[in-house]
């Protein structure tokens, strides 16, 4: 389930994060990145934490070690209004325990099981959420 956090104070330092467009356009980026980014933004939209649907600037991607040599990625969105900052992750982010004032686990969206590869675009695929393969 997606974990969505509303931080106590805005983040204004993004130097260690990657702008979402650059992360999606990286030469080694596969279709899984686009799927994950859509999943994360939908989780933020589904949350009841006060995101108004706008962004002050492009979203950013960060990562923290997961303990087995990989990383858990997270999405950072800063809202236009007063800079409210939201973080979305697949796992609980315990390093945020002292920085957030609201947290919610939201229902993850089913984005289908088919591949999101360019060569598959336009081909018929299962109806999302239908349970048919």
C-alpha atoms as a PDB file:
ATOM      1  CA  UNK A   1       0.000   0.000   0.000  1.00  0.00           C
ATOM      2  CA  UNK A   2       1.232   3.488  -0.726  1.00  0.00           C
ATOM      3  CA  UNK A   3       2.323   5.609   2.220  1.00  0.00           C
ATOM      4  CA  UNK A   4       1.629   9.329   1.864  1.00  0.00           C
ATOM      5  CA  UNK A   5       3.125  11.888   4.226  1.00  0.00           C
ATOM      6  CA  UNK A   6       2.325  15.580   4.683  1.00  0.00           C
ATOM      7  CA  UNK A   7       5.396  17.227   6.186  1.00  0.00           C
ATOM      8  CA  UNK A   8       5.309  19.681   9.096  1.00  0.00           C
ATOM      9  CA  UNK A   9       7.318  22.261   7.173  1.00  0.00           C
ATOM     10  CA  UNK A  10       8.063  22.718   3.489  1.00  0.00           C
ATOM     11  CA  UNK A  11      11.232  21.336   1.944  1.00  0.00           C
ATOM     12  CA  UNK A  12      13.279  23.891   0.032  1.00  0.00           C
ATOM     13  CA  UNK A  13      16.419  21.830  -0.551  1.00  0.00           C
ATOM     14  CA  UNK A  14      16.250  19.420  -3.496  1.00  0.00           C
ATOM     15  CA  UNK A  15      19.938  19.020  -4.419  1.00  0.00           C
ATOM     16  CA  UNK A  16      20.080  15.314  -3.535  1.00  0.00           C
ATOM     17  CA  UNK A  17      16.883  14.487  -5.431  1.00  0.00           C
ATOM     18  CA  UNK A  18      16.311  13.859  -9.152  1.00  0.00           C
ATOM     19  CA  UNK A  19      13.692  15.860 -11.085  1.00  0.00           C
ATOM     20  CA  UNK A  20      10.973  13.452 -12.208  1.00  0.00           C
ATOM     21  CA  UNK A  21      11.361  14.265 -15.948  1.00  0.00           C
ATOM     22  CA  UNK A  22      15.116  13.535 -15.802  1.00  0.00           C
ATOM     23  CA  UNK A  23      14.497  10.280 -13.900  1.00  0.00           C
ATOM     24  CA  UNK A  24      11.953   9.160 -16.500  1.00  0.00           C
ATOM     25  CA  UNK A  25      14.197  10.151 -19.432  1.00  0.00           C
ATOM     26  CA  UNK A  26      17.397   8.477 -18.171  1.00  0.00           C
ATOM     27  CA  UNK A  27      18.928   6.097 -20.758  1.00  0.00           C
ATOM     28  CA  UNK A  28      18.529   3.114 -18.407  1.00  0.00           C
ATOM     29  CA  UNK A  29      14.924   3.972 -17.496  1.00  0.00           C
ATOM     30  CA  UNK A  30      12.408   1.282 -18.283  1.00  0.00           C
ATOM     31  CA  UNK A  31       8.639   1.460 -18.428  1.00  0.00           C
ATOM     32  CA  UNK A  32       8.480   0.491 -14.752  1.00  0.00           C
ATOM     33  CA  UNK A  33       9.507   4.028 -13.854  1.00  0.00           C
ATOM     34  CA  UNK A  34       6.528   5.582 -15.642  1.00  0.00           C
ATOM     35  CA  UNK A  35       4.188   3.058 -14.046  1.00  0.00           C
ATOM     36  CA  UNK A  36       5.630   3.794 -10.582  1.00  0.00           C
ATOM     37  CA  UNK A  37       5.394   7.585 -11.052  1.00  0.00           C
ATOM     38  CA  UNK A  38       1.741   7.355 -12.128  1.00  0.00           C
ATOM     39  CA  UNK A  39       1.014   5.022  -9.198  1.00  0.00           C
ATOM     40  CA  UNK A  40       2.622   7.485  -6.756  1.00  0.00           C
ATOM     41  CA  UNK A  41       0.784  10.558  -8.090  1.00  0.00           C
ATOM     42  CA  UNK A  42      -2.528   8.673  -7.990  1.00  0.00           C
ATOM     43  CA  UNK A  43      -1.809   7.690  -4.373  1.00  0.00           C
ATOM     44  CA  UNK A  44      -1.225  11.346  -3.506  1.00  0.00           C
ATOM     45  CA  UNK A  45      -4.441  12.337  -5.286  1.00  0.00           C
ATOM     46  CA  UNK A  46      -6.369   9.614  -3.420  1.00  0.00           C
ATOM     47  CA  UNK A  47      -5.057  10.668  -0.008  1.00  0.00           C
ATOM     48  CA  UNK A  48      -6.996  12.899   2.347  1.00  0.00           C
ATOM     49  CA  UNK A  49      -3.929  14.876   3.443  1.00  0.00           C
ATOM     50  CA  UNK A  50      -4.751  18.163   1.748  1.00  0.00           C
ATOM     51  CA  UNK A  51      -3.008  18.063  -1.618  1.00  0.00           C
ATOM     52  CA  UNK A  52      -4.916  20.488  -3.844  1.00  0.00           C
ATOM     53  CA  UNK A  53      -3.701  18.984  -7.118  1.00  0.00           C
ATOM     54  CA  UNK A  54      -1.164  21.670  -7.964  1.00  0.00           C
ATOM     55  CA  UNK A  55       2.628  21.775  -7.861  1.00  0.00           C
ATOM     56  CA  UNK A  56       5.019  24.645  -7.288  1.00  0.00           C
ATOM     57  CA  UNK A  57       7.547  22.938  -9.583  1.00  0.00           C
ATOM     58  CA  UNK A  58       8.258  19.523 -11.019  1.00  0.00           C
ATOM     59  CA  UNK A  59       8.124  16.539  -8.650  1.00  0.00           C
ATOM     60  CA  UNK A  60      11.357  14.931  -7.485  1.00  0.00           C
ATOM     61  CA  UNK A  61      12.450  11.351  -6.899  1.00  0.00           C
ATOM     62  CA  UNK A  62      14.616  10.220  -4.004  1.00  0.00           C
ATOM     63  CA  UNK A  63      15.786   6.904  -2.657  1.00  0.00           C
ATOM     64  CA  UNK A  64      16.861   5.382   0.640  1.00  0.00           C
ATOM     65  CA  UNK A  65      18.727   2.085   1.112  1.00  0.00           C
ATOM     66  CA  UNK A  66      16.443  -0.902   1.609  1.00  0.00           C
ATOM     67  CA  UNK A  67      18.983  -3.063   3.443  1.00  0.00           C
ATOM     68  CA  UNK A  68      19.683  -5.602   0.697  1.00  0.00           C
ATOM     69  CA  UNK A  69      21.709  -3.458  -1.693  1.00  0.00           C
ATOM     70  CA  UNK A  70      18.740  -1.804  -3.396  1.00  0.00           C
ATOM     71  CA  UNK A  71      16.734   1.299  -2.689  1.00  0.00           C
ATOM     72  CA  UNK A  72      13.201   2.291  -1.814  1.00  0.00           C
ATOM     73  CA  UNK A  73      12.224   5.227  -3.982  1.00  0.00           C
ATOM     74  CA  UNK A  74       9.925   8.041  -3.008  1.00  0.00           C
ATOM     75  CA  UNK A  75       8.205  10.939  -4.749  1.00  0.00           C
ATOM     76  CA  UNK A  76       8.351  14.505  -3.400  1.00  0.00           C
ATOM     77  CA  UNK A  77       5.656  17.005  -4.424  1.00  0.00           C
ATOM     78  CA  UNK A  78       5.624  20.606  -3.254  1.00  0.00           C
ATOM     79  CA  UNK A  79       2.249  22.322  -3.438  1.00  0.00           C
ATOM     80  CA  UNK A  80       1.874  25.839  -4.854  1.00  0.00           C
ATOM     81  CA  UNK A  81      -0.217  27.343  -2.031  1.00  0.00           C
ATOM     82  CA  UNK A  82       2.216  27.739   0.840  1.00  0.00           C
ATOM     83  CA  UNK A  83       4.773  25.113  -0.091  1.00  0.00           C
ATOM     84  CA  UNK A  84       3.092  22.184   1.656  1.00  0.00           C
ATOM     85  CA  UNK A  85       5.316  19.198   0.894  1.00  0.00           C
ATOM     86  CA  UNK A  86       4.145  15.617   0.382  1.00  0.00           C
ATOM     87  CA  UNK A  87       6.140  12.393   0.115  1.00  0.00           C
ATOM     88  CA  UNK A  88       4.813   9.141  -1.368  1.00  0.00           C
ATOM     89  CA  UNK A  89       6.520   5.764  -0.908  1.00  0.00           C
ATOM     90  CA  UNK A  90       5.770   2.068  -1.231  1.00  0.00           C
ATOM     91  CA  UNK A  91       7.054   1.447   2.297  1.00  0.00           C
ATOM     92  CA  UNK A  92       6.915   3.290   5.621  1.00  0.00           C
ATOM     93  CA  UNK A  93       9.596   5.980   5.790  1.00  0.00           C
ATOM     94  CA  UNK A  94      10.690   5.876   9.435  1.00  0.00           C
ATOM     95  CA  UNK A  95      13.226   8.661   8.818  1.00  0.00           C
ATOM     96  CA  UNK A  96      10.214  10.968   8.425  1.00  0.00           C
ATOM     97  CA  UNK A  97       8.802  10.192  11.882  1.00  0.00           C
ATOM     98  CA  UNK A  98       9.952  13.548  13.281  1.00  0.00           C
ATOM     99  CA  UNK A  99       9.112  15.556  10.137  1.00  0.00           C
ATOM    100  CA  UNK A 100       5.527  14.729   9.215  1.00  0.00           C
ATOM    101  CA  UNK A 101       2.313  15.857  10.841  1.00  0.00           C
ATOM    102  CA  UNK A 102      -0.035  13.595   8.874  1.00  0.00           C
ATOM    103  CA  UNK A 103       0.427  10.126   7.363  1.00  0.00           C
ATOM    104  CA  UNK A 104      -1.988   7.929   5.483  1.00  0.00           C
ATOM    105  CA  UNK A 105      -1.861   4.515   3.865  1.00  0.00           C
ATOM    106  CA  UNK A 106      -4.052   4.683   0.788  1.00  0.00           C
ATOM    107  CA  UNK A 107      -5.437   2.043  -1.503  1.00  0.00           C
ATOM    108  CA  UNK A 108      -2.996   1.407  -4.329  1.00  0.00           C
ATOM    109  CA  UNK A 109      -4.373   1.657  -7.845  1.00  0.00           C
ATOM    110  CA  UNK A 110      -4.340  -1.367 -10.130  1.00  0.00           C
ATOM    111  CA  UNK A 111      -2.477  -0.222 -13.230  1.00  0.00           C
ATOM    112  CA  UNK A 112      -2.843  -3.557 -14.975  1.00  0.00           C
ATOM    113  CA  UNK A 113      -0.424  -6.404 -15.359  1.00  0.00           C
ATOM    114  CA  UNK A 114       0.528  -5.888 -18.990  1.00  0.00           C
ATOM    115  CA  UNK A 115       3.904  -4.553 -20.018  1.00  0.00           C
ATOM    116  CA  UNK A 116       4.252  -0.827 -20.557  1.00  0.00           C
ATOM    117  CA  UNK A 117       6.819  -1.093 -23.322  1.00  0.00           C
ATOM    118  CA  UNK A 118       6.735   1.121 -26.437  1.00  0.00           C
ATOM    119  CA  UNK A 119       6.454  -1.901 -28.752  1.00  0.00           C
ATOM    120  CA  UNK A 120       3.223  -2.888 -26.949  1.00  0.00           C
ATOM    121  CA  UNK A 121       1.493   0.469 -27.294  1.00  0.00           C
ATOM    122  CA  UNK A 122      -1.731   0.285 -29.256  1.00  0.00           C
ATOM    123  CA  UNK A 123      -2.043  -3.474 -28.883  1.00  0.00           C
ATOM    124  CA  UNK A 124      -5.016  -4.891 -27.081  1.00  0.00           C
ATOM    125  CA  UNK A 125      -4.439  -5.620 -23.418  1.00  0.00           C
ATOM    126  CA  UNK A 126      -6.584  -6.880 -20.551  1.00  0.00           C
ATOM    127  CA  UNK A 127      -9.136  -4.492 -19.152  1.00  0.00           C
ATOM    128  CA  UNK A 128      -7.607  -2.937 -16.040  1.00  0.00           C
ATOM    129  CA  UNK A 129      -9.197  -4.213 -12.874  1.00  0.00           C
ATOM    130  CA  UNK A 130     -11.261  -6.857 -14.661  1.00  0.00           C
ATOM    131  CA  UNK A 131      -9.221  -9.795 -13.399  1.00  0.00           C
ATOM    132  CA  UNK A 132      -8.989 -11.170 -16.960  1.00  0.00           C
ATOM    133  CA  UNK A 133      -5.572 -11.999 -18.386  1.00  0.00           C
END
